[in-house]
């Protein structure tokens, strides 16, 4: 994964296989997707344990298969946040990564959200 997406306006549905499992709406605090893929990629690049965050929850197991897809429901405006820019943000404010991890785990009971 090389980016996550922020939904500025519009609505999208989250789909696993052919089943709608949720939605994302612009203008809300949960208006983003793709964070799991970035978290997994960062984990793969850094190894299984980060010494600075010994109690951080692990992202779901690595794998190349997409867990969740999104489809637009209404016209959308999306902003791309590249992996490099997210890493720069986290370097200045590490709590951003922890917040993304907490929210991703809360969104998906089976912790396979992407």
N, C-alpha and C. Protein backbone atom coordinates (compact mmCIF):
# COMPACT_ATOMS: atom_id res chain seq x y z
N UNK A 1 0.84 -1.19 0.00
CA UNK A 1 0.00 0.00 0.00
C UNK A 1 0.89 1.25 0.00
N UNK A 2 0.45 2.22 -0.73
CA UNK A 2 1.24 3.44 -0.80
C UNK A 2 0.47 4.68 -0.39
N UNK A 3 -0.80 4.52 0.02
CA UNK A 3 -1.59 5.68 0.42
C UNK A 3 -2.83 5.24 1.18
N UNK A 4 -3.38 6.19 1.93
CA UNK A 4 -4.72 6.05 2.49
C UNK A 4 -5.53 7.23 1.96
N UNK A 5 -6.82 7.20 2.15
CA UNK A 5 -7.69 8.20 1.53
C UNK A 5 -8.57 8.87 2.57
N UNK A 6 -8.72 10.18 2.45
CA UNK A 6 -9.58 10.97 3.33
C UNK A 6 -10.77 11.42 2.49
N UNK A 7 -11.97 11.19 3.02
CA UNK A 7 -13.19 11.55 2.31
C UNK A 7 -13.60 12.95 2.74
N UNK A 8 -13.45 13.91 1.86
CA UNK A 8 -13.79 15.29 2.16
C UNK A 8 -15.31 15.47 2.06
N UNK A 9 -15.88 14.93 1.00
CA UNK A 9 -17.34 14.96 0.87
C UNK A 9 -17.79 13.75 0.08
N UNK A 10 -19.03 13.35 0.31
CA UNK A 10 -19.59 12.20 -0.37
C UNK A 10 -19.66 10.99 0.53
N UNK A 11 -20.20 9.93 -0.02
CA UNK A 11 -20.38 8.68 0.73
C UNK A 11 -19.88 7.50 -0.09
N UNK A 12 -19.29 6.55 0.62
CA UNK A 12 -18.82 5.32 0.02
C UNK A 12 -19.32 4.15 0.84
N UNK A 13 -19.45 2.98 0.20
CA UNK A 13 -19.79 1.78 0.94
C UNK A 13 -18.58 0.87 0.98
N UNK A 14 -18.42 0.19 2.10
CA UNK A 14 -17.33 -0.76 2.28
C UNK A 14 -17.88 -2.15 1.98
N UNK A 15 -17.13 -2.90 1.16
CA UNK A 15 -17.62 -4.19 0.69
C UNK A 15 -16.56 -5.25 0.93
N UNK A 16 -16.98 -6.37 1.47
CA UNK A 16 -16.10 -7.54 1.61
C UNK A 16 -16.76 -8.64 0.78
N UNK A 17 -16.08 -9.05 -0.28
CA UNK A 17 -16.70 -9.98 -1.22
C UNK A 17 -17.84 -9.25 -1.93
N UNK A 18 -19.04 -9.72 -1.76
CA UNK A 18 -20.22 -9.05 -2.31
C UNK A 18 -21.12 -8.48 -1.21
N UNK A 19 -20.63 -8.47 0.03
CA UNK A 19 -21.43 -8.04 1.18
C UNK A 19 -21.03 -6.64 1.61
N UNK A 20 -22.02 -5.75 1.71
CA UNK A 20 -21.76 -4.40 2.23
C UNK A 20 -21.59 -4.52 3.74
N UNK A 21 -20.44 -4.07 4.25
CA UNK A 21 -20.16 -4.22 5.68
C UNK A 21 -20.10 -2.89 6.42
N UNK A 22 -20.20 -1.78 5.68
CA UNK A 22 -20.15 -0.48 6.34
C UNK A 22 -20.18 0.64 5.33
N UNK A 23 -20.01 1.85 5.85
CA UNK A 23 -20.00 3.02 4.98
C UNK A 23 -19.03 4.05 5.53
N UNK A 24 -18.61 4.96 4.66
CA UNK A 24 -17.73 6.06 5.01
C UNK A 24 -18.36 7.32 4.47
N UNK A 25 -18.48 8.34 5.32
CA UNK A 25 -19.14 9.59 4.92
C UNK A 25 -18.21 10.77 5.16
N UNK A 26 -18.08 11.63 4.16
CA UNK A 26 -17.28 12.83 4.31
C UNK A 26 -17.80 13.71 5.43
N UNK A 27 -16.90 14.45 6.05
CA UNK A 27 -17.29 15.38 7.11
C UNK A 27 -17.40 14.75 8.49
N UNK A 28 -17.01 13.48 8.63
CA UNK A 28 -17.06 12.84 9.94
C UNK A 28 -15.63 12.51 10.39
N UNK A 29 -15.46 12.20 11.65
CA UNK A 29 -14.12 11.87 12.16
C UNK A 29 -13.62 10.53 11.63
N UNK A 30 -14.51 9.70 11.10
CA UNK A 30 -14.13 8.40 10.54
C UNK A 30 -14.08 8.44 9.02
N UNK A 31 -13.90 9.61 8.44
CA UNK A 31 -13.98 9.79 6.99
C UNK A 31 -12.64 9.49 6.31
N UNK A 32 -12.18 8.25 6.43
CA UNK A 32 -10.96 7.83 5.75
C UNK A 32 -11.01 6.32 5.58
N UNK A 33 -10.18 5.82 4.68
CA UNK A 33 -10.05 4.38 4.49
C UNK A 33 -8.67 4.08 3.92
N UNK A 34 -8.29 2.81 3.98
CA UNK A 34 -6.98 2.39 3.50
C UNK A 34 -5.91 2.38 4.57
N UNK A 35 -6.29 2.71 5.80
CA UNK A 35 -5.29 2.79 6.87
C UNK A 35 -4.69 1.43 7.20
N UNK A 36 -5.49 0.36 7.13
CA UNK A 36 -4.96 -0.97 7.46
C UNK A 36 -3.83 -1.34 6.52
N UNK A 37 -4.01 -1.07 5.25
CA UNK A 37 -2.96 -1.42 4.29
C UNK A 37 -1.66 -0.70 4.63
N UNK A 38 -1.75 0.57 5.00
CA UNK A 38 -0.55 1.31 5.37
C UNK A 38 0.06 0.78 6.66
N UNK A 39 -0.77 0.47 7.63
CA UNK A 39 -0.26 -0.07 8.89
C UNK A 39 0.45 -1.40 8.66
N UNK A 40 -0.12 -2.25 7.82
CA UNK A 40 0.51 -3.54 7.51
C UNK A 40 1.83 -3.33 6.79
N UNK A 41 1.85 -2.39 5.85
CA UNK A 41 3.08 -2.13 5.10
C UNK A 41 4.18 -1.61 6.02
N UNK A 42 3.82 -0.69 6.92
CA UNK A 42 4.80 -0.18 7.87
C UNK A 42 5.32 -1.30 8.77
N UNK A 43 4.43 -2.18 9.19
CA UNK A 43 4.83 -3.30 10.06
C UNK A 43 5.79 -4.21 9.32
N UNK A 44 5.50 -4.47 8.04
CA UNK A 44 6.36 -5.34 7.24
C UNK A 44 7.75 -4.71 7.09
N UNK A 45 7.79 -3.40 6.89
CA UNK A 45 9.07 -2.72 6.71
C UNK A 45 9.87 -2.60 7.99
N UNK A 46 9.22 -2.52 9.13
CA UNK A 46 9.92 -2.32 10.40
C UNK A 46 10.15 -3.61 11.17
N UNK A 47 9.55 -4.71 10.76
CA UNK A 47 9.66 -5.94 11.53
C UNK A 47 8.46 -6.09 12.44
N UNK A 48 8.39 -7.16 13.17
CA UNK A 48 7.20 -7.47 13.98
C UNK A 48 7.07 -6.63 15.24
N UNK A 49 8.14 -6.09 15.79
CA UNK A 49 8.05 -5.36 17.05
C UNK A 49 8.72 -4.00 16.95
N UNK A 50 8.06 -3.01 17.47
CA UNK A 50 8.62 -1.66 17.51
C UNK A 50 8.99 -1.39 18.96
N UNK A 51 10.29 -1.24 19.24
CA UNK A 51 10.76 -1.08 20.61
C UNK A 51 10.20 0.16 21.29
N UNK A 52 9.85 1.19 20.52
CA UNK A 52 9.31 2.41 21.12
C UNK A 52 7.85 2.25 21.52
N UNK A 53 7.16 1.25 20.96
CA UNK A 53 5.75 1.03 21.25
C UNK A 53 5.52 -0.43 21.61
N UNK A 54 6.03 -0.90 22.75
CA UNK A 54 5.94 -2.32 23.07
C UNK A 54 4.53 -2.82 23.31
N UNK A 55 3.58 -1.93 23.60
CA UNK A 55 2.22 -2.38 23.88
C UNK A 55 1.27 -2.07 22.74
N UNK A 56 1.79 -1.62 21.62
CA UNK A 56 0.93 -1.30 20.47
C UNK A 56 0.31 -2.59 19.94
N UNK A 57 -0.93 -2.52 19.53
CA UNK A 57 -1.60 -3.67 18.94
C UNK A 57 -1.07 -3.90 17.54
N UNK A 58 -0.92 -5.14 17.18
CA UNK A 58 -0.41 -5.49 15.85
C UNK A 58 -1.51 -5.33 14.81
N UNK A 59 -1.17 -4.87 13.61
CA UNK A 59 -2.13 -4.91 12.51
C UNK A 59 -2.44 -6.37 12.19
N UNK A 60 -3.47 -6.63 11.41
CA UNK A 60 -3.79 -8.01 11.06
C UNK A 60 -2.64 -8.64 10.27
N UNK A 61 -2.66 -9.96 10.13
CA UNK A 61 -1.57 -10.63 9.43
C UNK A 61 -1.34 -10.05 8.04
N UNK A 62 -0.07 -10.07 7.64
CA UNK A 62 0.28 -9.54 6.33
C UNK A 62 -0.25 -10.45 5.24
N UNK A 63 -0.50 -9.86 4.11
CA UNK A 63 -0.93 -10.61 2.95
C UNK A 63 -1.22 -9.64 1.84
N UNK A 64 -1.10 -10.10 0.62
CA UNK A 64 -1.30 -9.22 -0.51
C UNK A 64 -2.75 -9.06 -0.90
N UNK A 65 -3.65 -9.79 -0.30
CA UNK A 65 -5.05 -9.77 -0.71
C UNK A 65 -5.81 -8.64 -0.03
N UNK A 66 -6.57 -7.91 -0.82
CA UNK A 66 -7.39 -6.82 -0.29
C UNK A 66 -8.49 -7.41 0.58
N UNK A 67 -8.67 -6.86 1.77
CA UNK A 67 -9.69 -7.34 2.69
C UNK A 67 -11.05 -6.66 2.46
N UNK A 68 -11.00 -5.36 2.19
CA UNK A 68 -12.22 -4.58 2.02
C UNK A 68 -12.03 -3.65 0.83
N UNK A 69 -13.06 -3.53 0.02
CA UNK A 69 -13.07 -2.58 -1.09
C UNK A 69 -14.08 -1.49 -0.78
N UNK A 70 -13.96 -0.37 -1.47
CA UNK A 70 -14.94 0.70 -1.33
C UNK A 70 -15.50 1.06 -2.70
N UNK A 71 -16.77 1.46 -2.71
CA UNK A 71 -17.43 1.95 -3.92
C UNK A 71 -18.17 3.23 -3.56
N UNK A 72 -18.13 4.18 -4.47
CA UNK A 72 -18.84 5.43 -4.21
C UNK A 72 -20.34 5.21 -4.28
N UNK A 73 -21.05 5.92 -3.40
CA UNK A 73 -22.51 5.93 -3.39
C UNK A 73 -22.99 7.25 -3.96
N UNK A 74 -22.27 8.31 -3.64
CA UNK A 74 -22.55 9.66 -4.16
C UNK A 74 -21.24 10.22 -4.74
N UNK A 75 -21.32 11.29 -5.51
CA UNK A 75 -20.06 11.91 -5.97
C UNK A 75 -19.20 12.26 -4.75
N UNK A 76 -17.90 12.01 -4.86
CA UNK A 76 -16.99 12.18 -3.73
C UNK A 76 -15.80 13.07 -4.08
N UNK A 77 -15.30 13.74 -3.06
CA UNK A 77 -14.01 14.40 -3.13
C UNK A 77 -13.11 13.68 -2.15
N UNK A 78 -12.01 13.13 -2.66
CA UNK A 78 -11.07 12.36 -1.84
C UNK A 78 -9.71 13.03 -1.86
N UNK A 79 -9.04 12.99 -0.73
CA UNK A 79 -7.65 13.45 -0.64
C UNK A 79 -6.79 12.23 -0.38
N UNK A 80 -5.68 12.14 -1.09
CA UNK A 80 -4.74 11.05 -0.90
C UNK A 80 -3.69 11.46 0.12
N UNK A 81 -3.44 10.59 1.09
CA UNK A 81 -2.36 10.78 2.04
C UNK A 81 -1.35 9.67 1.80
N UNK A 82 -0.22 10.02 1.20
CA UNK A 82 0.77 9.01 0.85
C UNK A 82 1.40 8.41 2.11
N UNK A 83 1.96 7.22 1.93
CA UNK A 83 2.65 6.57 3.04
C UNK A 83 3.79 7.44 3.55
N UNK A 84 4.50 8.09 2.63
CA UNK A 84 5.61 8.95 3.04
C UNK A 84 5.12 10.14 3.86
N UNK A 85 4.02 10.75 3.45
CA UNK A 85 3.48 11.88 4.22
C UNK A 85 2.94 11.44 5.57
N UNK A 86 2.31 10.28 5.61
CA UNK A 86 1.84 9.76 6.90
C UNK A 86 3.02 9.50 7.82
N UNK A 87 4.09 8.92 7.31
CA UNK A 87 5.27 8.68 8.13
C UNK A 87 5.84 9.98 8.67
N UNK A 88 5.84 11.03 7.85
CA UNK A 88 6.33 12.34 8.31
C UNK A 88 5.45 12.90 9.42
N UNK A 89 4.14 12.73 9.30
CA UNK A 89 3.22 13.19 10.33
C UNK A 89 3.44 12.42 11.62
N UNK A 90 3.57 11.10 11.51
CA UNK A 90 3.77 10.25 12.69
C UNK A 90 5.11 10.55 13.36
N UNK A 91 6.13 10.90 12.59
CA UNK A 91 7.43 11.24 13.16
C UNK A 91 7.33 12.45 14.08
N UNK A 92 6.46 13.40 13.72
CA UNK A 92 6.27 14.61 14.53
C UNK A 92 5.27 14.37 15.65
N UNK A 93 4.26 13.53 15.38
CA UNK A 93 3.20 13.29 16.35
C UNK A 93 2.86 11.79 16.35
N UNK A 94 3.59 10.98 17.13
CA UNK A 94 3.39 9.52 17.15
C UNK A 94 1.98 9.09 17.57
N UNK A 95 1.26 9.95 18.25
CA UNK A 95 -0.10 9.56 18.67
C UNK A 95 -1.03 9.38 17.49
N UNK A 96 -0.68 9.92 16.32
CA UNK A 96 -1.52 9.73 15.13
C UNK A 96 -1.59 8.26 14.75
N UNK A 97 -0.44 7.58 14.77
CA UNK A 97 -0.42 6.15 14.44
C UNK A 97 -1.25 5.36 15.44
N UNK A 98 -1.08 5.65 16.71
CA UNK A 98 -1.85 4.94 17.74
C UNK A 98 -3.35 5.16 17.55
N UNK A 99 -3.74 6.39 17.21
CA UNK A 99 -5.16 6.68 16.99
C UNK A 99 -5.69 5.93 15.77
N UNK A 100 -4.92 5.87 14.69
CA UNK A 100 -5.34 5.11 13.52
C UNK A 100 -5.50 3.63 13.85
N UNK A 101 -4.56 3.09 14.60
CA UNK A 101 -4.64 1.68 14.98
C UNK A 101 -5.87 1.41 15.84
N UNK A 102 -6.12 2.28 16.83
CA UNK A 102 -7.30 2.10 17.70
C UNK A 102 -8.58 2.15 16.88
N UNK A 103 -8.69 3.13 16.00
CA UNK A 103 -9.91 3.28 15.20
C UNK A 103 -10.09 2.10 14.25
N UNK A 104 -9.01 1.65 13.63
CA UNK A 104 -9.10 0.52 12.71
C UNK A 104 -9.57 -0.74 13.44
N UNK A 105 -9.05 -0.98 14.63
CA UNK A 105 -9.49 -2.13 15.42
C UNK A 105 -10.95 -1.98 15.84
N UNK A 106 -11.36 -0.78 16.19
CA UNK A 106 -12.75 -0.55 16.61
C UNK A 106 -13.72 -0.72 15.44
N UNK A 107 -13.29 -0.37 14.25
CA UNK A 107 -14.16 -0.48 13.07
C UNK A 107 -14.46 -1.91 12.70
N UNK A 108 -13.55 -2.81 12.94
CA UNK A 108 -13.69 -4.17 12.43
C UNK A 108 -13.52 -5.18 13.55
N UNK A 109 -14.60 -5.88 13.92
CA UNK A 109 -14.49 -6.84 15.00
C UNK A 109 -13.52 -7.98 14.68
N UNK A 110 -13.35 -8.33 13.39
CA UNK A 110 -12.42 -9.40 13.07
C UNK A 110 -11.04 -8.88 12.75
N UNK A 111 -10.82 -7.57 12.90
CA UNK A 111 -9.52 -6.91 12.72
C UNK A 111 -8.91 -7.22 11.36
N UNK A 112 -9.75 -7.25 10.33
CA UNK A 112 -9.24 -7.50 8.98
C UNK A 112 -9.63 -6.35 8.06
N UNK A 113 -9.63 -5.15 8.57
CA UNK A 113 -10.08 -3.98 7.84
C UNK A 113 -8.95 -3.40 7.02
N UNK A 114 -9.23 -3.04 5.79
CA UNK A 114 -8.22 -2.41 4.95
C UNK A 114 -8.78 -1.28 4.19
